[in-house]
Each structure stands twice: as C-alpha cells, then as structure tokens.
Amino acid sequence: RTVPGDMQSSVLFIQADVSKPDGIETVVNGVRERLGGIDILVNNVGG
C-alpha cells in the first residue's frame, strides 16, 4: 500500500492495496505492462 523507503533499486514496485479488487487489477495490469506475464507468484499478505 505504501512505497518502502529502503527498497532495492533492482526491484520493480507497484503501489496497490491487494485487499481490494481494484488494487488487484492495478497489480495485474502493471505486471502485464512491465513483464508480459507471471512465472512465479508469492502471496505474502500480512493477514
């Protein structure tokens, strides 16, 4: 939901709240635009 202050420069970031449908859509669209698709998905939601 918020941009981490110490994120590695080699990591791409998409700001979104994945607890909401529009946040999930933001992530899916962002990944498609940047990479074309997903090979591995790790769901590490805090709660």
All heavy atoms as atom14 arrays in JSON, in Angstrom:
{
  "sequence": "RTVPGDMQSSVLFIQADVSKPDGIETVVNGVRERLGGIDILVNNVGG",
  "atom14_mask": [
    [1, 1, 1, 1, 1, 1, 1, 1, 1, 1, 1, 0, 0, 0],
    [1, 1, 1, 1, 1, 1, 1, 0, 0, 0, 0, 0, 0, 0],
    [1, 1, 1, 1, 1, 1, 1, 0, 0, 0, 0, 0, 0, 0],
    [1, 1, 1, 1, 1, 1, 1, 0, 0, 0, 0, 0, 0, 0],
    [1, 1, 1, 1, 0, 0, 0, 0, 0, 0, 0, 0, 0, 0],
    [1, 1, 1, 1, 1, 1, 1, 1, 0, 0, 0, 0, 0, 0],
    [1, 1, 1, 1, 1, 1, 1, 1, 0, 0, 0, 0, 0, 0],
    [1, 1, 1, 1, 1, 1, 1, 1, 1, 0, 0, 0, 0, 0],
    [1, 1, 1, 1, 1, 1, 0, 0, 0, 0, 0, 0, 0, 0],
    [1, 1, 1, 1, 1, 1, 0, 0, 0, 0, 0, 0, 0, 0],
    [1, 1, 1, 1, 1, 1, 1, 0, 0, 0, 0, 0, 0, 0],
    [1, 1, 1, 1, 1, 1, 1, 1, 0, 0, 0, 0, 0, 0],
    [1, 1, 1, 1, 1, 1, 1, 1, 1, 1, 1, 0, 0, 0],
    [1, 1, 1, 1, 1, 1, 1, 1, 0, 0, 0, 0, 0, 0],
    [1, 1, 1, 1, 1, 1, 1, 1, 1, 0, 0, 0, 0, 0],
    [1, 1, 1, 1, 1, 0, 0, 0, 0, 0, 0, 0, 0, 0],
    [1, 1, 1, 1, 1, 1, 1, 1, 0, 0, 0, 0, 0, 0],
    [1, 1, 1, 1, 1, 1, 1, 0, 0, 0, 0, 0, 0, 0],
    [1, 1, 1, 1, 1, 1, 0, 0, 0, 0, 0, 0, 0, 0],
    [1, 1, 1, 1, 1, 1, 1, 1, 1, 0, 0, 0, 0, 0],
    [1, 1, 1, 1, 1, 1, 1, 0, 0, 0, 0, 0, 0, 0],
    [1, 1, 1, 1, 1, 1, 1, 1, 0, 0, 0, 0, 0, 0],
    [1, 1, 1, 1, 0, 0, 0, 0, 0, 0, 0, 0, 0, 0],
    [1, 1, 1, 1, 1, 1, 1, 1, 0, 0, 0, 0, 0, 0],
    [1, 1, 1, 1, 1, 1, 1, 1, 1, 0, 0, 0, 0, 0],
    [1, 1, 1, 1, 1, 1, 1, 0, 0, 0, 0, 0, 0, 0],
    [1, 1, 1, 1, 1, 1, 1, 0, 0, 0, 0, 0, 0, 0],
    [1, 1, 1, 1, 1, 1, 1, 0, 0, 0, 0, 0, 0, 0],
    [1, 1, 1, 1, 1, 1, 1, 1, 0, 0, 0, 0, 0, 0],
    [1, 1, 1, 1, 0, 0, 0, 0, 0, 0, 0, 0, 0, 0],
    [1, 1, 1, 1, 1, 1, 1, 0, 0, 0, 0, 0, 0, 0],
    [1, 1, 1, 1, 1, 1, 1, 1, 1, 1, 1, 0, 0, 0],
    [1, 1, 1, 1, 1, 1, 1, 1, 1, 0, 0, 0, 0, 0],
    [1, 1, 1, 1, 1, 1, 1, 1, 1, 1, 1, 0, 0, 0],
    [1, 1, 1, 1, 1, 1, 1, 1, 0, 0, 0, 0, 0, 0],
    [1, 1, 1, 1, 0, 0, 0, 0, 0, 0, 0, 0, 0, 0],
    [1, 1, 1, 1, 0, 0, 0, 0, 0, 0, 0, 0, 0, 0],
    [1, 1, 1, 1, 1, 1, 1, 1, 0, 0, 0, 0, 0, 0],
    [1, 1, 1, 1, 1, 1, 1, 1, 0, 0, 0, 0, 0, 0],
    [1, 1, 1, 1, 1, 1, 1, 1, 0, 0, 0, 0, 0, 0],
    [1, 1, 1, 1, 1, 1, 1, 1, 0, 0, 0, 0, 0, 0],
    [1, 1, 1, 1, 1, 1, 1, 0, 0, 0, 0, 0, 0, 0],
    [1, 1, 1, 1, 1, 1, 1, 1, 0, 0, 0, 0, 0, 0],
    [1, 1, 1, 1, 1, 1, 1, 1, 0, 0, 0, 0, 0, 0],
    [1, 1, 1, 1, 1, 1, 1, 0, 0, 0, 0, 0, 0, 0],
    [1, 1, 1, 1, 0, 0, 0, 0, 0, 0, 0, 0, 0, 0],
    [1, 1, 1, 1, 0, 0, 0, 0, 0, 0, 0, 0, 0, 0]
  ],
  "atom14_positions": [
    [[0.83, -1.22, 0.0], [0.0, 0.0, 0.0], [0.85, 1.25, 0.0], [0.45, 2.28, -0.53], [-0.93, 0.0, 1.21], [-2.03, -1.04, 1.11], [-2.9, -1.0, 2.33], [-2.1, -1.29, 3.51], [-2.38, -2.21, 4.41], [-3.46, -2.92, 4.31], [-1.58, -2.42, 5.43], [0.0, 0.0, 0.0], [0.0, 0.0, 0.0], [0.0, 0.0, 0.0]],
    [[2.04, 1.18, 0.62], [2.94, 2.33, 0.65], [4.31, 1.91, 0.1], [4.71, 0.76, 0.2], [3.12, 2.86, 2.08], [3.61, 1.81, 2.92], [1.81, 3.38, 2.65], [0.0, 0.0, 0.0], [0.0, 0.0, 0.0], [0.0, 0.0, 0.0], [0.0, 0.0, 0.0], [0.0, 0.0, 0.0], [0.0, 0.0, 0.0], [0.0, 0.0, 0.0]],
    [[5.03, 2.87, -0.45], [6.34, 2.61, -1.03], [7.36, 2.42, 0.09], [7.52, 3.3, 0.94], [6.78, 3.78, -1.95], [8.15, 3.5, -2.55], [5.75, 4.02, -3.04], [0.0, 0.0, 0.0], [0.0, 0.0, 0.0], [0.0, 0.0, 0.0], [0.0, 0.0, 0.0], [0.0, 0.0, 0.0], [0.0, 0.0, 0.0], [0.0, 0.0, 0.0]],
    [[8.06, 1.28, 0.11], [9.09, 1.07, 1.13], [10.24, 2.06, 0.96], [10.66, 2.34, -0.17], [9.58, -0.36, 0.87], [8.57, -0.98, -0.02], [7.89, 0.13, -0.75], [0.0, 0.0, 0.0], [0.0, 0.0, 0.0], [0.0, 0.0, 0.0], [0.0, 0.0, 0.0], [0.0, 0.0, 0.0], [0.0, 0.0, 0.0], [0.0, 0.0, 0.0]],
    [[10.76, 2.57, 2.05], [11.83, 3.55, 1.99], [13.18, 2.97, 1.64], [14.05, 3.66, 1.14], [0.0, 0.0, 0.0], [0.0, 0.0, 0.0], [0.0, 0.0, 0.0], [0.0, 0.0, 0.0], [0.0, 0.0, 0.0], [0.0, 0.0, 0.0], [0.0, 0.0, 0.0], [0.0, 0.0, 0.0], [0.0, 0.0, 0.0], [0.0, 0.0, 0.0]],
    [[13.37, 1.67, 1.86], [14.68, 1.05, 1.65], [14.66, -0.03, 0.56], [15.43, -0.98, 0.61], [15.18, 0.45, 2.95], [14.24, -0.61, 3.52], [13.1, -0.73, 3.02], [14.63, -1.3, 4.47], [0.0, 0.0, 0.0], [0.0, 0.0, 0.0], [0.0, 0.0, 0.0], [0.0, 0.0, 0.0], [0.0, 0.0, 0.0], [0.0, 0.0, 0.0]],
    [[13.81, 0.13, -0.42], [13.67, -0.87, -1.46], [14.91, -0.91, -2.35], [15.46, 0.13, -2.7], [12.42, -0.58, -2.3], [12.06, -1.7, -3.24], [10.43, -1.48, -3.98], [10.5, 0.17, -4.6], [0.0, 0.0, 0.0], [0.0, 0.0, 0.0], [0.0, 0.0, 0.0], [0.0, 0.0, 0.0], [0.0, 0.0, 0.0], [0.0, 0.0, 0.0]],
    [[15.34, -2.12, -2.72], [16.48, -2.29, -3.61], [16.16, -1.71, -4.98], [15.05, -1.85, -5.48], [16.81, -3.77, -3.77], [17.2, -4.47, -2.49], [17.4, -5.96, -2.73], [17.62, -6.41, -3.84], [17.31, -6.72, -1.66], [0.0, 0.0, 0.0], [0.0, 0.0, 0.0], [0.0, 0.0, 0.0], [0.0, 0.0, 0.0], [0.0, 0.0, 0.0]],
    [[17.16, -1.1, -5.62], [16.93, -0.49, -6.92], [16.64, -1.52, -8.0], [16.07, -1.19, -9.03], [18.15, 0.35, -7.32], [19.3, -0.47, -7.43], [0.0, 0.0, 0.0], [0.0, 0.0, 0.0], [0.0, 0.0, 0.0], [0.0, 0.0, 0.0], [0.0, 0.0, 0.0], [0.0, 0.0, 0.0], [0.0, 0.0, 0.0], [0.0, 0.0, 0.0]],
    [[17.0, -2.79, -7.78], [16.77, -3.82, -8.78], [15.35, -4.39, -8.72], [14.99, -5.24, -9.52], [17.77, -4.96, -8.59], [17.63, -5.52, -7.29], [0.0, 0.0, 0.0], [0.0, 0.0, 0.0], [0.0, 0.0, 0.0], [0.0, 0.0, 0.0], [0.0, 0.0, 0.0], [0.0, 0.0, 0.0], [0.0, 0.0, 0.0], [0.0, 0.0, 0.0]],
    [[14.54, -3.9, -7.79], [13.19, -4.41, -7.6], [12.18, -3.44, -8.2], [12.23, -2.24, -7.93], [12.89, -4.64, -6.1], [11.46, -5.09, -5.9], [13.85, -5.65, -5.51], [0.0, 0.0, 0.0], [0.0, 0.0, 0.0], [0.0, 0.0, 0.0], [0.0, 0.0, 0.0], [0.0, 0.0, 0.0], [0.0, 0.0, 0.0], [0.0, 0.0, 0.0]],
    [[11.27, -3.95, -8.98], [10.18, -3.14, -9.52], [9.06, -3.11, -8.49], [8.84, -4.07, -7.77], [9.68, -3.74, -10.84], [10.73, -3.89, -11.95], [10.15, -4.67, -13.12], [11.21, -2.53, -12.4], [0.0, 0.0, 0.0], [0.0, 0.0, 0.0], [0.0, 0.0, 0.0], [0.0, 0.0, 0.0], [0.0, 0.0, 0.0], [0.0, 0.0, 0.0]],
    [[8.34, -2.01, -8.43], [7.32, -1.85, -7.41], [6.03, -1.33, -8.01], [6.04, -0.46, -8.88], [7.8, -0.85, -6.34], [6.81, -0.64, -5.23], [6.67, -1.57, -4.23], [6.02, 0.5, -5.21], [5.75, -1.39, -3.2], [5.1, 0.7, -4.2], [4.96, -0.24, -3.19], [0.0, 0.0, 0.0], [0.0, 0.0, 0.0], [0.0, 0.0, 0.0]],
    [[4.9, -1.87, -7.54], [3.58, -1.39, -7.91], [2.84, -1.08, -6.62], [2.63, -1.97, -5.79], [2.79, -2.43, -8.73], [3.53, -2.74, -10.04], [1.37, -1.94, -9.0], [2.94, -3.9, -10.83], [0.0, 0.0, 0.0], [0.0, 0.0, 0.0], [0.0, 0.0, 0.0], [0.0, 0.0, 0.0], [0.0, 0.0, 0.0], [0.0, 0.0, 0.0]],
    [[2.46, 0.18, -6.45], [1.73, 0.57, -5.25], [0.26, 0.23, -5.42], [-0.4, 0.68, -6.36], [1.9, 2.07, -5.0], [1.31, 2.51, -3.69], [1.64, 3.96, -3.37], [2.34, 4.64, -4.1], [1.13, 4.43, -2.25], [0.0, 0.0, 0.0], [0.0, 0.0, 0.0], [0.0, 0.0, 0.0], [0.0, 0.0, 0.0], [0.0, 0.0, 0.0]],
    [[-0.25, -0.63, -4.51], [-1.65, -1.04, -4.59], [-2.06, -1.71, -3.28], [-1.23, -2.25, -2.57], [-1.85, -2.02, -5.74], [0.0, 0.0, 0.0], [0.0, 0.0, 0.0], [0.0, 0.0, 0.0], [0.0, 0.0, 0.0], [0.0, 0.0, 0.0], [0.0, 0.0, 0.0], [0.0, 0.0, 0.0], [0.0, 0.0, 0.0], [0.0, 0.0, 0.0]],
    [[-3.34, -1.7, -3.01], [-3.92, -2.39, -1.86], [-4.58, -3.66, -2.4], [-5.67, -3.6, -2.98], [-4.94, -1.5, -1.17], [-5.57, -2.14, 0.06], [-5.35, -3.35, 0.3], [-6.28, -1.43, 0.78], [0.0, 0.0, 0.0], [0.0, 0.0, 0.0], [0.0, 0.0, 0.0], [0.0, 0.0, 0.0], [0.0, 0.0, 0.0], [0.0, 0.0, 0.0]],
    [[-3.92, -4.8, -2.23], [-4.43, -6.05, -2.81], [-5.57, -6.66, -2.02], [-6.07, -7.73, -2.38], [-3.3, -7.09, -3.04], [-2.29, -6.57, -4.03], [-2.64, -7.48, -1.73], [0.0, 0.0, 0.0], [0.0, 0.0, 0.0], [0.0, 0.0, 0.0], [0.0, 0.0, 0.0], [0.0, 0.0, 0.0], [0.0, 0.0, 0.0], [0.0, 0.0, 0.0]],
    [[-6.05, -5.96, -0.99], [-7.24, -6.43, -0.29], [-8.5, -5.93, -0.98], [-9.61, -6.27, -0.55], [-7.22, -5.98, 1.18], [-7.42, -4.59, 1.28], [0.0, 0.0, 0.0], [0.0, 0.0, 0.0], [0.0, 0.0, 0.0], [0.0, 0.0, 0.0], [0.0, 0.0, 0.0], [0.0, 0.0, 0.0], [0.0, 0.0, 0.0], [0.0, 0.0, 0.0]],
    [[-8.33, -5.16, -2.03], [-9.47, -4.6, -2.77], [-9.37, -5.01, -4.25], [-8.28, -5.08, -4.81], [-9.49, -3.09, -2.64], [-9.58, -2.61, -1.2], [-9.69, -1.13, -1.12], [-9.8, -0.57, 0.26], [-10.08, -1.4, 1.37], [0.0, 0.0, 0.0], [0.0, 0.0, 0.0], [0.0, 0.0, 0.0], [0.0, 0.0, 0.0], [0.0, 0.0, 0.0]],
    [[-10.51, -5.29, -4.88], [-10.48, -5.72, -6.29], [-9.75, -4.76, -7.22], [-9.01, -5.2, -8.1], [-11.97, -5.82, -6.66], [-12.65, -6.11, -5.36], [-11.86, -5.33, -4.32], [0.0, 0.0, 0.0], [0.0, 0.0, 0.0], [0.0, 0.0, 0.0], [0.0, 0.0, 0.0], [0.0, 0.0, 0.0], [0.0, 0.0, 0.0], [0.0, 0.0, 0.0]],
    [[-9.91, -3.44, -7.03], [-9.23, -2.51, -7.92], [-7.71, -2.53, -7.7], [-6.94, -2.29, -8.62], [-9.8, -1.09, -7.81], [-9.66, -0.49, -6.42], [-9.69, -1.24, -5.42], [-9.53, 0.75, -6.34], [0.0, 0.0, 0.0], [0.0, 0.0, 0.0], [0.0, 0.0, 0.0], [0.0, 0.0, 0.0], [0.0, 0.0, 0.0], [0.0, 0.0, 0.0]],
    [[-7.28, -2.85, -6.48], [-5.85, -2.98, -6.21], [-5.25, -4.18, -6.92], [-4.15, -4.12, -7.47], [0.0, 0.0, 0.0], [0.0, 0.0, 0.0], [0.0, 0.0, 0.0], [0.0, 0.0, 0.0], [0.0, 0.0, 0.0], [0.0, 0.0, 0.0], [0.0, 0.0, 0.0], [0.0, 0.0, 0.0], [0.0, 0.0, 0.0], [0.0, 0.0, 0.0]],
    [[-6.0, -5.27, -6.93], [-5.55, -6.47, -7.63], [-5.46, -6.18, -9.13], [-4.49, -6.55, -9.79], [-6.5, -7.65, -7.35], [-6.4, -8.03, -5.87], [-6.18, -8.84, -8.24], [-7.47, -8.97, -5.4], [0.0, 0.0, 0.0], [0.0, 0.0, 0.0], [0.0, 0.0, 0.0], [0.0, 0.0, 0.0], [0.0, 0.0, 0.0], [0.0, 0.0, 0.0]],
    [[-6.45, -5.48, -9.65], [-6.43, -5.12, -11.07], [-5.22, -4.24, -11.4], [-4.58, -4.41, -12.44], [-7.74, -4.41, -11.44], [-7.88, -4.15, -12.91], [-9.25, -3.57, -13.26], [-10.23, -3.82, -12.54], [-9.31, -2.86, -14.28], [0.0, 0.0, 0.0], [0.0, 0.0, 0.0], [0.0, 0.0, 0.0], [0.0, 0.0, 0.0], [0.0, 0.0, 0.0]],
    [[-4.89, -3.32, -10.51], [-3.72, -2.47, -10.69], [-2.45, -3.31, -10.8], [-1.6, -3.08, -11.67], [-3.58, -1.47, -9.52], [-4.72, -0.61, -9.53], [-2.31, -0.65, -9.63], [0.0, 0.0, 0.0], [0.0, 0.0, 0.0], [0.0, 0.0, 0.0], [0.0, 0.0, 0.0], [0.0, 0.0, 0.0], [0.0, 0.0, 0.0], [0.0, 0.0, 0.0]],
    [[-2.31, -4.29, -9.91], [-1.12, -5.15, -9.93], [-1.08, -6.0, -11.2], [-0.05, -6.07, -11.88], [-1.07, -6.05, -8.68], [0.07, -7.06, -8.78], [-0.92, -5.2, -7.43], [0.0, 0.0, 0.0], [0.0, 0.0, 0.0], [0.0, 0.0, 0.0], [0.0, 0.0, 0.0], [0.0, 0.0, 0.0], [0.0, 0.0, 0.0], [0.0, 0.0, 0.0]],
    [[-2.19, -6.63, -11.54], [-2.23, -7.48, -12.75], [-1.88, -6.66, -13.98], [-1.04, -7.07, -14.8], [-3.62, -8.15, -12.9], [-3.76, -8.81, -14.26], [-3.84, -9.16, -11.79], [0.0, 0.0, 0.0], [0.0, 0.0, 0.0], [0.0, 0.0, 0.0], [0.0, 0.0, 0.0], [0.0, 0.0, 0.0], [0.0, 0.0, 0.0], [0.0, 0.0, 0.0]],
    [[-2.48, -5.51, -14.13], [-2.2, -4.67, -15.3], [-0.75, -4.19, -15.31], [-0.11, -4.15, -16.36], [-3.17, -3.48, -15.37], [-4.58, -3.91, -15.67], [-4.82, -4.97, -16.25], [-5.54, -3.1, -15.27], [0.0, 0.0, 0.0], [0.0, 0.0, 0.0], [0.0, 0.0, 0.0], [0.0, 0.0, 0.0], [0.0, 0.0, 0.0], [0.0, 0.0, 0.0]],
    [[-0.23, -3.82, -14.14], [1.15, -3.36, -14.05], [2.15, -4.45, -14.42], [3.14, -4.2, -15.12], [0.0, 0.0, 0.0], [0.0, 0.0, 0.0], [0.0, 0.0, 0.0], [0.0, 0.0, 0.0], [0.0, 0.0, 0.0], [0.0, 0.0, 0.0], [0.0, 0.0, 0.0], [0.0, 0.0, 0.0], [0.0, 0.0, 0.0], [0.0, 0.0, 0.0]],
    [[1.9, -5.66, -13.95], [2.78, -6.79, -14.29], [2.71, -7.08, -15.78], [3.74, -7.28, -16.44], [2.42, -8.04, -13.46], [3.15, -9.26, -13.99], [2.75, -7.81, -11.99], [0.0, 0.0, 0.0], [0.0, 0.0, 0.0], [0.0, 0.0, 0.0], [0.0, 0.0, 0.0], [0.0, 0.0, 0.0], [0.0, 0.0, 0.0], [0.0, 0.0, 0.0]],
    [[1.53, -7.1, -16.33], [1.38, -7.35, -17.78], [2.12, -6.3, -18.6], [2.78, -6.63, -19.57], [-0.09, -7.38, -18.17], [-0.78, -8.64, -17.79], [-2.21, -8.64, -18.3], [-2.86, -9.89, -17.98], [-4.16, -10.03, -17.82], [-4.95, -8.98, -17.98], [-4.69, -11.19, -17.53], [0.0, 0.0, 0.0], [0.0, 0.0, 0.0], [0.0, 0.0, 0.0]],
    [[1.99, -5.04, -18.2], [2.66, -3.96, -18.93], [4.18, -4.07, -18.86], [4.87, -3.84, -19.84], [2.23, -2.6, -18.37], [0.81, -2.21, -18.7], [0.36, -0.96, -17.96], [1.21, -0.28, -17.33], [-0.85, -0.67, -17.99], [0.0, 0.0, 0.0], [0.0, 0.0, 0.0], [0.0, 0.0, 0.0], [0.0, 0.0, 0.0], [0.0, 0.0, 0.0]],
    [[4.7, -4.41, -17.7], [6.15, -4.43, -17.49], [6.82, -5.73, -17.93], [7.94, -5.71, -18.42], [6.48, -4.17, -16.03], [6.1, -2.77, -15.6], [6.37, -2.58, -14.14], [5.88, -1.28, -13.72], [6.06, -0.81, -12.51], [6.7, -1.51, -11.61], [5.59, 0.38, -12.19], [0.0, 0.0, 0.0], [0.0, 0.0, 0.0], [0.0, 0.0, 0.0]],
    [[6.15, -6.86, -17.69], [6.78, -8.15, -17.95], [6.04, -9.03, -18.94], [6.59, -10.03, -19.4], [6.95, -8.93, -16.63], [7.76, -8.25, -15.54], [7.81, -9.13, -14.3], [9.17, -7.94, -16.02], [0.0, 0.0, 0.0], [0.0, 0.0, 0.0], [0.0, 0.0, 0.0], [0.0, 0.0, 0.0], [0.0, 0.0, 0.0], [0.0, 0.0, 0.0]],
    [[4.8, -8.73, -19.2], [4.01, -9.54, -20.1], [3.29, -10.69, -19.43], [2.33, -11.22, -19.96], [0.0, 0.0, 0.0], [0.0, 0.0, 0.0], [0.0, 0.0, 0.0], [0.0, 0.0, 0.0], [0.0, 0.0, 0.0], [0.0, 0.0, 0.0], [0.0, 0.0, 0.0], [0.0, 0.0, 0.0], [0.0, 0.0, 0.0], [0.0, 0.0, 0.0]],
    [[3.74, -11.1, -18.26], [3.1, -12.21, -17.56], [3.87, -12.56, -16.29], [4.84, -11.91, -15.94], [0.0, 0.0, 0.0], [0.0, 0.0, 0.0], [0.0, 0.0, 0.0], [0.0, 0.0, 0.0], [0.0, 0.0, 0.0], [0.0, 0.0, 0.0], [0.0, 0.0, 0.0], [0.0, 0.0, 0.0], [0.0, 0.0, 0.0], [0.0, 0.0, 0.0]],
    [[3.41, -13.61, -15.63], [3.98, -14.03, -14.35], [4.46, -15.47, -14.46], [3.75, -16.33, -14.96], [2.93, -13.95, -13.22], [2.45, -12.52, -13.03], [3.47, -14.53, -11.93], [1.29, -12.39, -12.07], [0.0, 0.0, 0.0], [0.0, 0.0, 0.0], [0.0, 0.0, 0.0], [0.0, 0.0, 0.0], [0.0, 0.0, 0.0], [0.0, 0.0, 0.0]],
    [[5.68, -15.73, -13.98], [6.19, -17.1, -13.89], [6.0, -17.67, -12.49], [5.72, -18.85, -12.32], [7.67, -17.16, -14.27], [7.9, -16.86, -15.75], [7.06, -17.25, -16.57], [8.91, -16.21, -16.06], [0.0, 0.0, 0.0], [0.0, 0.0, 0.0], [0.0, 0.0, 0.0], [0.0, 0.0, 0.0], [0.0, 0.0, 0.0], [0.0, 0.0, 0.0]],
    [[6.21, -16.83, -11.47], [6.06, -17.25, -10.08], [5.27, -16.18, -9.35], [5.54, -15.0, -9.49], [7.44, -17.39, -9.38], [8.3, -18.42, -10.08], [7.25, -17.74, -7.91], [9.74, -18.44, -9.57], [0.0, 0.0, 0.0], [0.0, 0.0, 0.0], [0.0, 0.0, 0.0], [0.0, 0.0, 0.0], [0.0, 0.0, 0.0], [0.0, 0.0, 0.0]],
    [[4.29, -16.6, -8.55], [3.52, -15.67, -7.73], [3.66, -16.1, -6.28], [3.38, -17.24, -5.94], [2.04, -15.66, -8.13], [1.11, -14.85, -7.24], [1.45, -13.36, -7.32], [-0.33, -15.1, -7.61], [0.0, 0.0, 0.0], [0.0, 0.0, 0.0], [0.0, 0.0, 0.0], [0.0, 0.0, 0.0], [0.0, 0.0, 0.0], [0.0, 0.0, 0.0]],
    [[4.12, -15.19, -5.43], [4.2, -15.44, -3.99], [3.21, -14.52, -3.32], [3.33, -13.3, -3.4], [5.63, -15.18, -3.45], [5.67, -15.39, -1.95], [6.65, -16.05, -4.16], [0.0, 0.0, 0.0], [0.0, 0.0, 0.0], [0.0, 0.0, 0.0], [0.0, 0.0, 0.0], [0.0, 0.0, 0.0], [0.0, 0.0, 0.0], [0.0, 0.0, 0.0]],
    [[2.22, -15.09, -2.66], [1.23, -14.31, -1.93], [1.65, -14.28, -0.48], [1.57, -15.28, 0.22], [-0.15, -14.94, -2.08], [-1.23, -14.12, -1.41], [-0.96, -13.11, -0.77], [-2.45, -14.56, -1.53], [0.0, 0.0, 0.0], [0.0, 0.0, 0.0], [0.0, 0.0, 0.0], [0.0, 0.0, 0.0], [0.0, 0.0, 0.0], [0.0, 0.0, 0.0]],
    [[2.12, -13.14, -0.03], [2.62, -13.0, 1.33], [1.86, -11.88, 2.05], [2.45, -10.99, 2.63], [4.13, -12.71, 1.28], [4.75, -12.71, 2.64], [4.48, -13.58, 3.45], [5.56, -11.7, 2.91], [0.0, 0.0, 0.0], [0.0, 0.0, 0.0], [0.0, 0.0, 0.0], [0.0, 0.0, 0.0], [0.0, 0.0, 0.0], [0.0, 0.0, 0.0]],
    [[0.55, -11.93, 2.0], [-0.28, -10.91, 2.63], [-0.14, -11.03, 4.14], [-0.13, -12.14, 4.69], [-1.75, -11.07, 2.19], [-2.65, -10.1, 2.94], [-1.88, -10.87, 0.7], [0.0, 0.0, 0.0], [0.0, 0.0, 0.0], [0.0, 0.0, 0.0], [0.0, 0.0, 0.0], [0.0, 0.0, 0.0], [0.0, 0.0, 0.0], [0.0, 0.0, 0.0]],
    [[-0.04, -9.91, 4.83], [0.2, -9.89, 6.26], [-0.9, -10.48, 7.12], [-0.66, -10.92, 8.22], [0.0, 0.0, 0.0], [0.0, 0.0, 0.0], [0.0, 0.0, 0.0], [0.0, 0.0, 0.0], [0.0, 0.0, 0.0], [0.0, 0.0, 0.0], [0.0, 0.0, 0.0], [0.0, 0.0, 0.0], [0.0, 0.0, 0.0], [0.0, 0.0, 0.0]],
    [[-2.09, -10.52, 6.66], [-3.19, -11.06, 7.44], [-4.31, -11.48, 6.53], [-4.36, -11.1, 5.38], [0.0, 0.0, 0.0], [0.0, 0.0, 0.0], [0.0, 0.0, 0.0], [0.0, 0.0, 0.0], [0.0, 0.0, 0.0], [0.0, 0.0, 0.0], [0.0, 0.0, 0.0], [0.0, 0.0, 0.0], [0.0, 0.0, 0.0], [0.0, 0.0, 0.0]]
  ]
}
